[in-house]
Amino acid sequence: MHRKSLITKLFEEGYSFNVKPFRVITLKTEPLSDNPVQLLISVPRYLYKRAVDRNLIKRQVREAFRKNKQELLTSLSENHITLLVCIRYQSKEIIPSQSVQDKIIVILQRLKDGYGKTSG
């Protein structure tokens, strides 16, 4: 997700929900590219001063998303839906990679249930 206007629109008009330790903000948009999901991963600097820690968390989230995204992407493509998704980490503790993956699976399932079953 690169355009500043898209990010602003996502935060102003998007629907959000929590799956601890993540806050997820989503917005359904007109097709922007061939990819049905544009992902933004945010780890606040005020929680983690060191870039090494922020990058570790972002890497964990990216990898968990990459491994488990296929079912969501298929469902969105079939229904011609494009989503902007922001996943924001909100905990002061770094959780293990397996826990991150479990939470991302819950998030992806929730997105699929919310957007993947309805057409249009």
Protein backbone atom coordinates (compact mmCIF):
# COMPACT_ATOMS: atom_id res chain seq x y z
CA MET A 1 0.00 0.00 0.00
CA HIS A 2 1.80 3.12 -1.18
CA ARG A 3 -0.57 5.96 -1.84
CA LYS A 4 -0.95 8.25 1.14
CA SER A 5 -4.56 9.00 0.18
CA LEU A 6 -5.41 5.27 0.35
CA ILE A 7 -3.88 4.96 3.80
CA THR A 8 -5.76 8.05 5.00
CA LYS A 9 -9.02 6.69 3.59
CA LEU A 10 -8.38 3.32 5.24
CA PHE A 11 -7.99 4.89 8.69
CA GLU A 12 -10.91 7.29 8.27
CA GLU A 13 -13.51 4.98 6.71
CA GLY A 14 -12.29 1.48 7.49
CA TYR A 15 -13.93 -1.16 9.68
CA SER A 16 -11.78 -2.37 12.58
CA PHE A 17 -11.69 -5.31 14.95
CA ASN A 18 -9.26 -6.71 17.50
CA VAL A 19 -7.58 -10.10 17.69
CA LYS A 20 -5.18 -9.62 20.59
CA PRO A 21 -2.39 -8.45 20.22
CA PHE A 22 -3.44 -7.11 16.80
CA ARG A 23 -5.87 -4.42 15.69
CA VAL A 24 -7.07 -4.95 12.14
CA ILE A 25 -8.52 -2.18 9.95
CA THR A 26 -10.06 -3.10 6.61
CA LEU A 27 -11.66 -1.23 3.75
CA LYS A 28 -13.28 -2.62 0.63
CA THR A 29 -12.22 -0.63 -2.47
CA GLU A 30 -12.44 -0.67 -6.23
CA PRO A 31 -9.82 -2.93 -7.84
CA LEU A 32 -6.42 -1.23 -7.69
CA SER A 33 -4.29 -4.04 -9.09
CA ASP A 34 -4.43 -7.77 -9.82
CA ASN A 35 -3.84 -8.49 -6.13
CA PRO A 36 -7.10 -8.62 -4.12
CA VAL A 37 -5.37 -7.62 -0.83
CA GLN A 38 -3.06 -4.73 -0.10
CA LEU A 39 -1.42 -5.14 3.30
CA LEU A 40 0.02 -2.57 5.71
CA ILE A 41 1.82 -3.82 8.82
CA SER A 42 2.35 -1.34 11.63
CA VAL A 43 4.43 -1.67 14.79
CA PRO A 44 4.43 1.61 16.76
CA ARG A 45 7.76 3.14 17.66
CA TYR A 46 6.49 4.15 21.11
CA LEU A 47 6.09 0.44 21.98
CA TYR A 48 9.42 -0.67 20.48
CA LYS A 49 12.20 1.88 20.37
CA ARG A 50 14.62 -0.46 18.59
CA ALA A 51 14.08 -0.96 14.86
CA VAL A 52 15.36 -4.54 15.22
CA ASP A 53 12.35 -5.42 17.38
CA ARG A 54 9.85 -3.68 15.10
CA ASN A 55 11.30 -5.43 12.05
CA LEU A 56 11.18 -8.81 13.79
CA ILE A 57 7.46 -8.45 14.48
CA LYS A 58 6.75 -7.24 10.94
CA ARG A 59 8.70 -10.20 9.53
CA GLN A 60 6.70 -12.63 11.68
CA VAL A 61 3.39 -11.12 10.52
CA ARG A 62 4.44 -11.04 6.85
CA GLU A 63 5.53 -14.68 6.92
CA ALA A 64 2.35 -15.84 8.68
CA PHE A 65 0.25 -13.91 6.15
CA ARG A 66 2.21 -15.36 3.22
CA LYS A 67 1.77 -18.94 4.44
CA ASN A 68 -1.98 -18.69 5.10
CA LYS A 69 -3.39 -16.16 2.63
CA GLN A 70 -4.40 -18.44 -0.25
CA GLU A 71 -7.92 -19.28 0.93
CA LEU A 72 -8.74 -15.59 1.50
CA LEU A 73 -7.27 -14.53 -1.86
CA THR A 74 -9.24 -17.20 -3.73
CA SER A 75 -12.48 -16.18 -2.04
CA LEU A 76 -11.95 -12.46 -2.73
CA SER A 77 -10.97 -13.09 -6.36
CA GLU A 78 -14.09 -15.16 -6.99
CA ASN A 79 -16.24 -12.30 -5.67
CA HIS A 80 -14.18 -9.55 -7.40
CA ILE A 81 -13.39 -7.79 -4.12
CA THR A 82 -10.28 -5.76 -3.30
CA LEU A 83 -9.36 -5.09 0.33
CA LEU A 84 -7.02 -2.67 2.01
CA VAL A 85 -5.86 -4.25 5.28
CA CYS A 86 -3.83 -2.75 8.11
CA ILE A 87 -2.54 -5.09 10.81
CA ARG A 88 -1.26 -3.15 13.81
CA TYR A 89 0.65 -4.79 16.63
CA GLN A 90 -0.46 -3.49 20.04
CA SER A 91 1.35 -5.49 22.70
CA LYS A 92 4.42 -4.54 24.72
CA GLU A 93 5.66 -8.14 24.58
CA ILE A 94 7.04 -9.92 21.54
CA ILE A 95 5.11 -13.16 21.10
CA PRO A 96 6.50 -16.34 19.50
CA SER A 97 6.17 -16.88 15.75
CA GLN A 98 3.72 -19.77 16.18
CA SER A 99 1.38 -17.55 18.24
CA VAL A 100 1.61 -14.83 15.58
CA GLN A 101 0.71 -17.40 12.93
CA ASP A 102 -2.29 -18.65 14.97
CA LYS A 103 -3.58 -15.08 15.36
CA ILE A 104 -3.08 -14.29 11.66
CA ILE A 105 -5.08 -17.42 10.76
CA VAL A 106 -7.93 -16.12 12.94
CA ILE A 107 -7.69 -12.70 11.26
CA LEU A 108 -7.70 -14.19 7.75
CA GLN A 109 -10.68 -16.41 8.59
CA ARG A 110 -12.57 -13.41 9.93
CA LEU A 111 -11.80 -11.41 6.78
CA LYS A 112 -12.92 -14.32 4.62
CA ASP A 113 -16.16 -14.68 6.58
CA GLY A 114 -16.82 -10.95 6.42
CA TYR A 115 -15.97 -10.29 2.77
CA GLY A 116 -15.55 -13.58 0.98
CA LYS A 117 -19.10 -14.92 1.15
CA THR A 118 -20.99 -11.94 -0.21
CA SER A 119 -20.84 -10.82 -3.79
CA GLY A 120 -20.16 -7.28 -4.84
